[in-house]
Amino acid sequence: MLKTVKFGGSSLADAQHFSAVRDIVRADGARRIVVVSAPGKRAKGDNKVTDLLYLCHAHIKYGVDHESVLSMIESRYREIAETLSIPFDVAAAFDEIRSRIKTSPDEDYLVSRGEALCAALMAAYLGYDFVDSYGTVKFRLDGRIDLPATYTAIAEAFEASSGRIVMPGFYGTMPGGKLRLMTRGGSDITGALAAAALNCDLYENWTDVPGILMADPSIVPDPQPIPRITYSELRELTYMGAKVLHEESVFPVREMNIPLNIRNTNDPSAPGTMIREEFAEDASQQESYFITGVAGRRGYCIIDIHKNHVSAKLGIVRSVLALFEKHELHIEQIVSGIDCFSLVVSTEAVKPYLFSITEEIESYCGPDSVKVTEGISLIACVGRRMVFRPGISGRLFATLGENNINIRMISQGPEELNIIVGVDDRDYEKTIRVLYNSFTRKDRPL
């Protein structure tokens, strides 16, 4: 058994968290590949190290004294090293940083030191080998990760090590040798790359939550964690606004069919959320609820295009879609009927072009009318088990009707993995709460 374990910034905020991470790693001998973020906030009102490093670079860029910020960052690492008696020379590491930014104040290099130093400290603390992501995570010229080259480099580094390594997340190397940062949250990607490169049996992503939740906790009080979810369901929830994982971090492990387990550093005995390509749905493994989660996003508009017998006229839908493509506008949903079809698009994205697009639709398609309705939210009920349960749509409509929520549109994909409803923005939070309560209350069987 071989596992890659990735720890987020909230799991590495201070010496106490470092100690908890060591206990987690040592509790399972299969946890031999460790990937870390930079230290996060220690408490409310504190700063993430990465944010401080960006601030430090901004001071350098605009000629403001940056030493106080850099010293603040240094003290974070010094406190961890001294409290835990880690054999790592923090002062020497920061002397090197100061020397480097004096001659070449490169933002990517400076910000990457958050992860690099955290990984070096953790490697020394665990007695593992440090493997730098510089030289092992490789970008292509277009800025995308070169997966074959990255997998080969990580595998070679692991083979040359003692078999137990710590890697920093969030950065890699361009073809010319320049260090390049990923987007924020990129440490999740590094963890997935390491797991895929070494064909691990499991990728554990440790954070400060009990797993993926069935709904947004800022809307639904104490939502249930999701014990098991497929990659397809995760993609649906993420797309509809659930803040779960960096989307690119799922691809490497999904492609290699490696299970992904979201775990809570503050409650290491909890099973968290297991993510796989599919699950055997026998009776003994059925979850309590047949929906997996509810998620949504505000800020859409519906463009209704009416024309008698539009469903029988060739080319009209294609012509309208071409107009949106010309303006590089993404269409979220298309709903059609006999005499009309509707497009759901982002209000913010379409607003600068709305007048011209409406005129072009009138000119090219000759509709009977074009109507624009703003202030729409899209909310999705996602669940792989919904397909096996008749009456789901009826229960959804009835529940929203009972709570005086007007449905402006509805869509269901061919895989029947989700049901998406459009409601007025003012009903956004209410709709999520109503759907969550309806589909998770055990006293409301179908």
Protein backbone atom coordinates (compact mmCIF):
# COMPACT_ATOMS: atom_id res chain seq x y z
CA MET A 1 0.00 0.00 0.00
CA LEU A 2 1.32 3.44 -0.98
CA LYS A 3 -0.38 6.74 -0.16
CA THR A 4 0.20 10.37 -1.04
CA VAL A 5 -0.98 12.75 1.69
CA LYS A 6 -1.44 16.44 1.06
CA PHE A 7 -1.87 18.96 3.89
CA GLY A 8 -3.40 22.38 3.35
CA GLY A 9 -2.28 25.63 4.94
CA SER A 10 -4.80 25.41 7.78
CA SER A 11 -3.20 22.08 8.77
CA LEU A 12 0.27 23.66 8.95
CA ALA A 13 -0.41 27.02 10.58
CA ASP A 14 1.87 26.61 13.61
CA ALA A 15 3.94 24.19 15.68
CA GLN A 16 0.88 22.52 17.16
CA HIS A 17 -0.47 21.77 13.70
CA PHE A 18 2.94 20.50 12.54
CA SER A 19 2.91 18.08 15.45
CA ALA A 20 -0.60 16.87 14.53
CA VAL A 21 0.53 16.30 10.95
CA ARG A 22 3.50 14.24 12.13
CA ASP A 23 1.18 12.07 14.20
CA ILE A 24 -1.09 11.51 11.21
CA VAL A 25 1.79 10.56 8.92
CA ARG A 26 3.36 8.23 11.46
CA ALA A 27 0.03 6.54 12.19
CA ASP A 28 0.12 4.85 8.78
CA GLY A 29 3.34 3.49 7.27
CA ALA A 30 1.83 3.74 3.79
CA ARG A 31 1.86 7.55 3.99
CA ARG A 32 5.25 7.92 2.34
CA ILE A 33 4.66 10.85 -0.01
CA VAL A 34 3.78 14.11 1.75
CA VAL A 35 2.85 17.32 -0.08
CA VAL A 36 2.42 20.59 1.83
CA SER A 37 1.06 24.07 1.35
CA ALA A 38 2.45 27.18 3.01
CA PRO A 39 1.31 27.83 6.62
CA GLY A 40 -2.18 29.30 6.80
CA LYS A 41 -3.93 31.48 9.36
CA ARG A 42 -3.35 30.64 13.03
CA ALA A 43 -6.54 32.39 14.13
CA LYS A 44 -9.16 34.80 12.90
CA GLY A 45 -7.51 38.03 11.83
CA ASP A 46 -4.16 36.36 11.18
CA ASN A 47 -2.49 36.23 7.74
CA LYS A 48 -1.63 33.34 5.46
CA VAL A 49 2.08 33.16 4.71
CA THR A 50 1.35 33.21 0.97
CA ASP A 51 -0.59 36.47 1.32
CA LEU A 52 2.30 37.99 3.28
CA LEU A 53 4.73 36.95 0.56
CA TYR A 54 2.60 38.61 -2.10
CA LEU A 55 2.51 41.72 0.09
CA CYS A 56 6.28 41.57 0.50
CA HIS A 57 6.75 41.50 -3.27
CA ALA A 58 4.34 44.42 -3.71
CA HIS A 59 6.47 46.44 -1.26
CA ILE A 60 9.59 45.60 -3.27
CA LYS A 61 7.88 46.48 -6.56
CA TYR A 62 6.72 49.90 -5.40
CA GLY A 63 9.85 50.81 -3.46
CA VAL A 64 8.34 50.41 0.00
CA ASP A 65 10.45 48.90 2.78
CA HIS A 66 9.69 45.16 2.75
CA GLU A 67 11.94 43.99 5.59
CA SER A 68 9.28 44.19 8.29
CA VAL A 69 6.99 41.90 6.29
CA LEU A 70 9.79 39.44 5.49
CA SER A 71 10.84 39.38 9.13
CA MET A 72 7.27 38.64 10.16
CA ILE A 73 7.27 35.65 7.79
CA GLU A 74 10.65 34.49 9.06
CA SER A 75 9.38 34.57 12.64
CA ARG A 76 6.55 32.18 11.69
CA TYR A 77 9.03 29.54 10.52
CA ARG A 78 11.46 30.24 13.33
CA GLU A 79 8.70 29.68 15.92
CA ILE A 80 7.81 26.31 14.38
CA ALA A 81 11.42 25.16 14.16
CA GLU A 82 12.36 26.27 17.68
CA THR A 83 9.21 24.98 19.38
CA LEU A 84 9.58 21.53 17.82
CA SER A 85 13.42 21.45 17.85
CA ILE A 86 13.51 20.83 14.10
CA PRO A 87 17.07 20.62 12.80
CA PHE A 88 16.66 23.26 10.10
CA ASP A 89 18.51 26.58 9.80
CA VAL A 90 15.70 29.10 9.23
CA ALA A 91 18.06 32.09 9.42
CA ALA A 92 20.28 30.72 6.64
CA ALA A 93 17.23 30.03 4.45
CA PHE A 94 16.03 33.62 4.81
CA ASP A 95 19.53 34.99 4.22
CA GLU A 96 19.43 33.20 0.88
CA ILE A 97 15.99 34.65 0.11
CA ARG A 98 17.15 38.18 0.93
CA SER A 99 20.22 37.77 -1.26
CA ARG A 100 18.17 36.40 -4.14
CA ILE A 101 15.47 39.08 -4.15
CA LYS A 102 18.08 41.82 -3.87
CA THR A 103 19.46 40.90 -7.29
CA SER A 104 16.32 39.42 -8.86
CA PRO A 105 13.04 40.29 -7.10
CA ASP A 106 10.99 37.70 -8.99
CA GLU A 107 7.45 37.35 -7.62
CA ASP A 108 7.03 33.66 -8.42
CA TYR A 109 10.28 32.75 -6.70
CA LEU A 110 9.51 34.81 -3.58
CA VAL A 111 5.94 33.54 -3.17
CA SER A 112 7.01 29.93 -3.74
CA ARG A 113 9.24 30.10 -0.67
CA GLY A 114 6.14 29.68 1.50
CA GLU A 115 5.69 26.10 0.32
CA ALA A 116 9.40 25.41 -0.17
CA LEU A 117 10.36 26.29 3.42
CA CYS A 118 7.33 24.54 4.88
CA ALA A 119 8.28 21.36 2.99
CA ALA A 120 11.91 21.63 4.09
CA LEU A 121 10.84 22.02 7.73
CA MET A 122 8.40 19.12 7.50
CA ALA A 123 10.97 16.86 5.83
CA ALA A 124 13.45 17.54 8.61
CA TYR A 125 10.75 17.03 11.25
CA LEU A 126 9.61 13.69 9.82
CA GLY A 127 13.06 12.46 8.82
CA TYR A 128 11.90 12.25 5.19
CA ASP A 129 13.80 13.38 2.08
CA PHE A 130 13.00 16.79 0.62
CA VAL A 131 12.15 16.67 -3.10
CA ASP A 132 11.77 20.11 -4.66
CA SER A 133 8.87 20.70 -7.05
CA TYR A 134 11.27 22.86 -9.01
CA GLY A 135 12.68 20.38 -11.50
CA THR A 136 10.03 17.72 -10.91
CA VAL A 137 6.76 19.50 -11.73
CA LYS A 138 7.22 20.61 -15.31
CA PHE A 139 5.24 23.13 -17.31
CA ARG A 140 4.97 23.38 -21.07
CA LEU A 141 5.49 26.64 -22.94
CA ASP A 142 1.72 27.22 -23.01
CA GLY A 143 1.64 27.15 -19.21
CA ARG A 144 -0.05 23.77 -18.92
CA ILE A 145 1.56 20.97 -16.94
CA ASP A 146 3.55 18.46 -18.97
CA LEU A 147 2.12 15.32 -17.41
CA PRO A 148 4.47 12.68 -18.93
CA ALA A 149 7.58 14.68 -18.07
CA THR A 150 6.29 15.47 -14.58
CA TYR A 151 5.38 11.86 -13.84
CA THR A 152 8.79 10.68 -14.98
CA ALA A 153 10.64 13.30 -12.92
CA ILE A 154 8.68 12.59 -9.74
CA ALA A 155 9.07 8.83 -10.14
CA GLU A 156 12.83 9.18 -10.64
CA ALA A 157 13.15 11.46 -7.60
CA PHE A 158 11.20 9.00 -5.47
CA GLU A 159 13.28 6.07 -6.73
CA ALA A 160 16.48 7.93 -5.78
CA SER A 161 15.16 8.75 -2.31
CA SER A 162 14.83 6.71 0.85
CA GLY A 163 11.25 5.94 -0.17
CA ARG A 164 9.78 8.66 2.05
CA ILE A 165 9.59 12.19 0.64
CA VAL A 166 8.10 15.62 1.27
CA MET A 167 7.31 17.90 -1.67
CA PRO A 168 6.19 21.54 -1.71
CA GLY A 169 3.05 22.32 -3.67
CA PHE A 170 2.04 25.30 -5.80
CA TYR A 171 4.97 25.64 -8.22
CA GLY A 172 7.07 24.01 -10.89
CA THR A 173 9.50 24.73 -13.72
CA MET A 174 9.09 26.25 -17.18
CA PRO A 175 11.10 24.76 -20.10
CA GLY A 176 13.69 27.56 -19.89
CA GLY A 177 14.25 26.90 -16.18
CA LYS A 178 12.16 29.74 -14.77
CA LEU A 179 10.17 28.91 -11.64
CA ARG A 180 6.42 29.24 -12.23
CA LEU A 181 3.57 29.40 -9.72
CA MET A 182 0.27 27.62 -10.18
CA THR A 183 -3.04 29.34 -9.49
CA ARG A 184 -4.09 29.63 -5.85
CA GLY A 185 -4.99 26.22 -4.49
CA GLY A 186 -2.34 24.66 -6.69
CA SER A 187 -0.90 22.52 -3.92
CA ASP A 188 -3.87 20.20 -4.43
CA ILE A 189 -2.66 19.75 -8.00
CA THR A 190 0.87 18.89 -6.85
CA GLY A 191 -0.51 16.24 -4.51
CA ALA A 192 -2.58 14.69 -7.28
CA LEU A 193 0.41 14.72 -9.63
CA ALA A 194 2.56 12.92 -7.06
CA ALA A 195 -0.14 10.32 -6.43
CA ALA A 196 -0.57 9.70 -10.14
CA ALA A 197 3.15 9.63 -10.88
CA LEU A 198 3.73 6.92 -8.29
CA ASN A 199 0.48 5.07 -9.03
CA CYS A 200 -0.53 5.30 -5.38
CA ASP A 201 -3.33 3.24 -3.90
CA LEU A 202 -4.89 6.32 -2.30
CA TYR A 203 -4.56 10.11 -2.34
CA GLU A 204 -5.48 11.69 1.00
CA ASN A 205 -6.19 15.41 1.03
CA TRP A 206 -6.13 16.71 4.62
CA THR A 207 -7.81 19.98 5.47
CA ASP A 208 -9.83 21.61 8.27
CA VAL A 209 -13.30 20.33 7.33
CA PRO A 210 -14.92 16.93 7.95
CA GLY A 211 -15.10 16.18 4.23
CA ILE A 212 -17.27 17.46 1.42
CA LEU A 213 -20.53 18.82 2.80
CA MET A 214 -23.99 18.27 1.31
CA ALA A 215 -24.61 22.04 1.19
CA ASP A 216 -22.92 25.36 1.84
CA PRO A 217 -22.56 25.71 5.65
CA SER A 218 -23.02 29.47 5.35
CA ILE A 219 -26.56 28.75 4.09
CA VAL A 220 -27.50 25.46 5.76
CA PRO A 221 -26.59 25.11 9.46
CA ASP A 222 -24.41 22.06 10.11
CA PRO A 223 -24.94 20.23 6.80
CA GLN A 224 -24.18 16.53 6.72
CA PRO A 225 -20.79 15.45 5.30
CA ILE A 226 -20.92 13.29 2.18
CA PRO A 227 -19.42 9.86 2.99
CA ARG A 228 -18.98 8.73 -0.62
CA ILE A 229 -19.14 10.61 -3.92
CA THR A 230 -18.16 9.78 -7.48
CA TYR A 231 -15.82 11.96 -9.53
CA SER A 232 -18.76 12.79 -11.83
CA GLU A 233 -20.88 13.99 -8.92
CA LEU A 234 -17.96 15.99 -7.56
CA ARG A 235 -17.53 17.68 -10.93
CA GLU A 236 -21.23 18.60 -11.02
CA LEU A 237 -21.15 20.09 -7.51
CA THR A 238 -17.92 21.96 -8.15
CA TYR A 239 -19.23 23.40 -11.41
CA MET A 240 -22.38 24.59 -9.66
CA GLY A 241 -20.39 26.54 -7.10
CA ALA A 242 -19.46 24.13 -4.32
CA LYS A 243 -16.01 25.09 -3.00
CA VAL A 244 -14.40 21.68 -2.72
CA LEU A 245 -11.19 21.06 -4.63
CA HIS A 246 -9.19 22.77 -7.33
CA GLU A 247 -10.69 21.26 -10.52
CA GLU A 248 -7.31 20.40 -12.03
CA SER A 249 -6.38 18.49 -8.88
CA VAL A 250 -8.98 15.85 -9.63
CA PHE A 251 -7.89 15.02 -13.17
CA PRO A 252 -4.55 13.26 -12.53
CA VAL A 253 -5.92 10.86 -9.92
CA ARG A 254 -9.19 10.29 -11.75
CA GLU A 255 -7.33 9.43 -14.94
CA MET A 256 -5.30 6.84 -13.02
CA ASN A 257 -8.42 5.57 -11.18
CA ILE A 258 -6.91 6.46 -7.79
CA PRO A 259 -9.41 7.02 -4.94
CA LEU A 260 -9.29 10.43 -3.26
CA ASN A 261 -10.08 10.77 0.43
CA ILE A 262 -10.86 14.19 1.98
CA ARG A 263 -9.88 14.05 5.67
CA ASN A 264 -9.98 16.40 8.64
CA THR A 265 -6.66 17.14 10.33
CA ASN A 266 -8.52 18.19 13.49
CA ASP A 267 -10.39 14.86 13.64
CA PRO A 268 -8.06 12.25 12.11
CA SER A 269 -10.22 9.31 13.21
CA ALA A 270 -13.16 10.51 11.09
CA PRO A 271 -13.42 8.76 7.70
CA GLY A 272 -14.04 11.96 5.73
CA THR A 273 -15.32 11.78 2.16
CA MET A 274 -14.18 9.05 -0.23
CA ILE A 275 -14.18 9.90 -3.94
CA ARG A 276 -14.02 7.16 -6.59
CA GLU A 277 -15.00 6.68 -10.20
CA GLU A 278 -17.88 4.46 -9.10
CA PHE A 279 -19.18 2.56 -6.09
CA ALA A 280 -20.87 -0.79 -5.75
CA GLU A 281 -24.36 0.17 -4.64
CA ASP A 282 -25.34 -2.92 -2.68
CA ALA A 283 -27.81 -2.67 0.17
CA SER A 284 -25.16 -2.73 2.90
CA GLN A 285 -23.34 0.27 1.42
CA GLN A 286 -26.29 2.52 0.61
CA GLU A 287 -26.01 5.99 2.08
CA SER A 288 -28.84 7.38 4.21
CA TYR A 289 -29.82 9.87 1.50
CA PHE A 290 -30.28 9.35 -2.21
CA ILE A 291 -29.10 12.84 -3.17
CA THR A 292 -25.43 13.58 -2.78
CA GLY A 293 -25.48 17.35 -2.45
CA VAL A 294 -27.11 20.69 -3.27
CA ALA A 295 -25.16 23.61 -4.75
CA GLY A 296 -25.90 26.74 -6.71
CA ARG A 297 -24.81 30.06 -8.15
CA ARG A 298 -26.40 33.48 -8.46
CA GLY A 299 -26.17 36.05 -11.21
CA TYR A 300 -27.79 34.65 -14.36
CA CYS A 301 -30.34 35.85 -16.86
CA ILE A 302 -32.75 33.95 -19.10
CA ILE A 303 -33.12 35.01 -22.73
CA ASP A 304 -36.42 33.70 -24.12
CA ILE A 305 -36.75 33.64 -27.91
CA HIS A 306 -40.31 33.05 -29.17
CA LYS A 307 -41.26 32.12 -32.73
CA ASN A 308 -44.18 30.01 -33.85
CA HIS A 309 -43.14 26.43 -34.63
CA VAL A 310 -39.48 27.23 -33.95
CA SER A 311 -38.84 23.54 -33.26
CA ALA A 312 -39.63 22.75 -36.90
CA LYS A 313 -37.44 25.48 -38.40
CA LEU A 314 -33.87 24.45 -39.21
CA GLY A 315 -30.88 26.60 -38.28
CA ILE A 316 -32.50 29.11 -35.90
CA VAL A 317 -30.95 27.72 -32.71
CA ARG A 318 -27.60 27.33 -34.45
CA SER A 319 -27.73 30.97 -35.66
CA VAL A 320 -28.44 32.26 -32.16
CA LEU A 321 -25.67 30.15 -30.63
CA ALA A 322 -23.26 31.53 -33.23
CA LEU A 323 -24.05 35.06 -32.07
CA PHE A 324 -23.09 34.19 -28.50
CA GLU A 325 -19.96 32.41 -29.69
CA LYS A 326 -18.95 35.52 -31.65
CA HIS A 327 -18.96 37.47 -28.39
CA GLU A 328 -17.20 34.61 -26.54
CA LEU A 329 -20.15 34.15 -24.20
CA HIS A 330 -20.65 30.82 -22.46
CA ILE A 331 -24.18 29.42 -22.37
CA GLU A 332 -25.02 27.61 -19.14
CA GLN A 333 -28.31 25.97 -20.13
CA ILE A 334 -30.55 25.63 -23.20
CA VAL A 335 -34.24 24.82 -22.71
CA SER A 336 -36.53 24.37 -25.73
CA GLY A 337 -40.23 24.03 -26.53
CA ILE A 338 -42.44 24.00 -29.61
CA ASP A 339 -42.64 27.77 -30.02
CA CYS A 340 -39.68 29.02 -28.02
CA PHE A 341 -36.25 28.23 -26.65
CA SER A 342 -34.40 29.82 -23.76
CA LEU A 343 -30.73 30.44 -23.07
CA VAL A 344 -29.31 30.91 -19.59
CA VAL A 345 -26.15 33.04 -19.44
CA SER A 346 -24.14 34.98 -16.87
CA THR A 347 -25.68 38.43 -16.43
CA GLU A 348 -22.31 40.05 -15.81
CA ALA A 349 -20.77 38.49 -18.92
CA VAL A 350 -23.64 39.24 -21.31
CA LYS A 351 -24.57 42.73 -20.10
CA PRO A 352 -22.07 44.67 -22.30
CA TYR A 353 -23.38 42.85 -25.40
CA LEU A 354 -27.05 42.39 -24.52
CA PHE A 355 -28.43 45.20 -26.66
CA SER A 356 -26.41 44.26 -29.75
CA ILE A 357 -27.16 40.53 -29.34
CA THR A 358 -30.88 41.24 -29.03
CA GLU A 359 -30.74 43.33 -32.20
CA GLU A 360 -28.80 40.62 -34.02
CA ILE A 361 -31.32 37.95 -32.97
CA GLU A 362 -34.11 40.17 -34.33
CA SER A 363 -32.21 40.66 -37.58
CA TYR A 364 -31.01 37.10 -38.23
CA CYS A 365 -33.89 35.04 -36.85
CA GLY A 366 -36.98 37.20 -37.10
CA PRO A 367 -38.48 36.03 -33.78
CA ASP A 368 -41.94 37.01 -32.63
CA SER A 369 -40.40 38.29 -29.40
CA VAL A 370 -37.21 38.29 -27.33
CA LYS A 371 -37.53 38.57 -23.57
CA VAL A 372 -34.70 38.96 -21.05
CA THR A 373 -35.22 38.07 -17.38
CA GLU A 374 -32.42 38.99 -15.00
CA GLY A 375 -31.84 38.07 -11.36
CA ILE A 376 -31.85 34.29 -11.80
CA SER A 377 -30.04 31.71 -9.66
CA LEU A 378 -29.24 28.17 -10.78
CA ILE A 379 -29.44 25.45 -8.12
CA ALA A 380 -28.59 21.79 -8.65
CA CYS A 381 -29.59 18.67 -6.76
CA VAL A 382 -26.84 16.14 -7.54
CA GLY A 383 -26.96 12.42 -6.89
CA ARG A 384 -26.04 9.23 -8.71
CA ARG A 385 -28.89 7.39 -6.98
CA MET A 386 -31.62 9.73 -8.22
CA VAL A 387 -31.92 7.77 -11.47
CA PHE A 388 -33.18 4.75 -9.51
CA ARG A 389 -35.83 6.69 -7.60
CA PRO A 390 -39.08 7.57 -9.44
CA GLY A 391 -40.83 10.73 -8.34
CA ILE A 392 -37.78 12.87 -7.61
CA SER A 393 -38.80 15.70 -9.96
CA GLY A 394 -42.37 15.64 -8.65
CA ARG A 395 -41.18 15.87 -5.06
CA LEU A 396 -38.84 18.72 -5.95
CA PHE A 397 -41.61 20.72 -7.66
CA ALA A 398 -44.06 20.03 -4.85
CA THR A 399 -41.58 21.01 -2.14
CA LEU A 400 -40.67 24.30 -3.79
CA GLY A 401 -44.34 25.06 -4.44
CA GLU A 402 -45.24 24.39 -0.82
CA ASN A 403 -42.63 26.97 0.15
CA ASN A 404 -43.82 29.61 -2.36
CA ILE A 405 -40.70 29.34 -4.51
CA ASN A 406 -41.38 29.95 -8.20
CA ILE A 407 -39.39 27.79 -10.64
CA ARG A 408 -38.30 29.85 -13.67
CA MET A 409 -36.66 26.95 -15.52
CA ILE A 410 -35.72 23.31 -15.06
CA SER A 411 -33.11 21.11 -16.72
CA GLN A 412 -31.99 17.52 -16.27
CA GLY A 413 -28.97 15.97 -17.98
CA PRO A 414 -29.21 12.72 -19.97
CA GLU A 415 -27.26 10.87 -17.26
CA GLU A 416 -29.90 11.94 -14.73
CA LEU A 417 -27.08 12.84 -12.36
CA ASN A 418 -28.58 16.19 -11.48
CA ILE A 419 -31.70 18.32 -11.63
CA ILE A 420 -31.10 22.05 -12.13
CA VAL A 421 -33.74 24.64 -11.35
CA GLY A 422 -33.70 28.36 -12.01
CA VAL A 423 -35.26 30.57 -9.33
CA ASP A 424 -35.28 34.28 -8.55
CA ASP A 425 -32.10 35.50 -6.84
CA ARG A 426 -34.12 36.52 -3.78
CA ASP A 427 -35.05 32.83 -3.28
CA TYR A 428 -31.50 31.50 -3.69
CA GLU A 429 -30.64 30.67 -0.08
CA LYS A 430 -34.21 29.67 0.78
CA THR A 431 -34.26 27.20 -2.13
CA ILE A 432 -31.03 25.54 -1.04
CA ARG A 433 -32.29 25.18 2.53
CA VAL A 434 -35.67 23.83 1.40
CA LEU A 435 -34.14 21.26 -0.96
CA TYR A 436 -31.56 20.15 1.58
CA ASN A 437 -34.15 19.72 4.32
CA SER A 438 -36.58 17.99 2.01
CA PHE A 439 -34.15 15.42 0.64
CA THR A 440 -32.32 14.67 3.89
CA ARG A 441 -35.19 14.41 6.33
CA LYS A 442 -35.79 10.78 7.06
CA ASP A 443 -39.46 11.40 7.90
CA ARG A 444 -40.16 12.31 4.28
CA PRO A 445 -39.82 9.01 2.35
CA LEU A 446 -40.79 8.86 -1.30
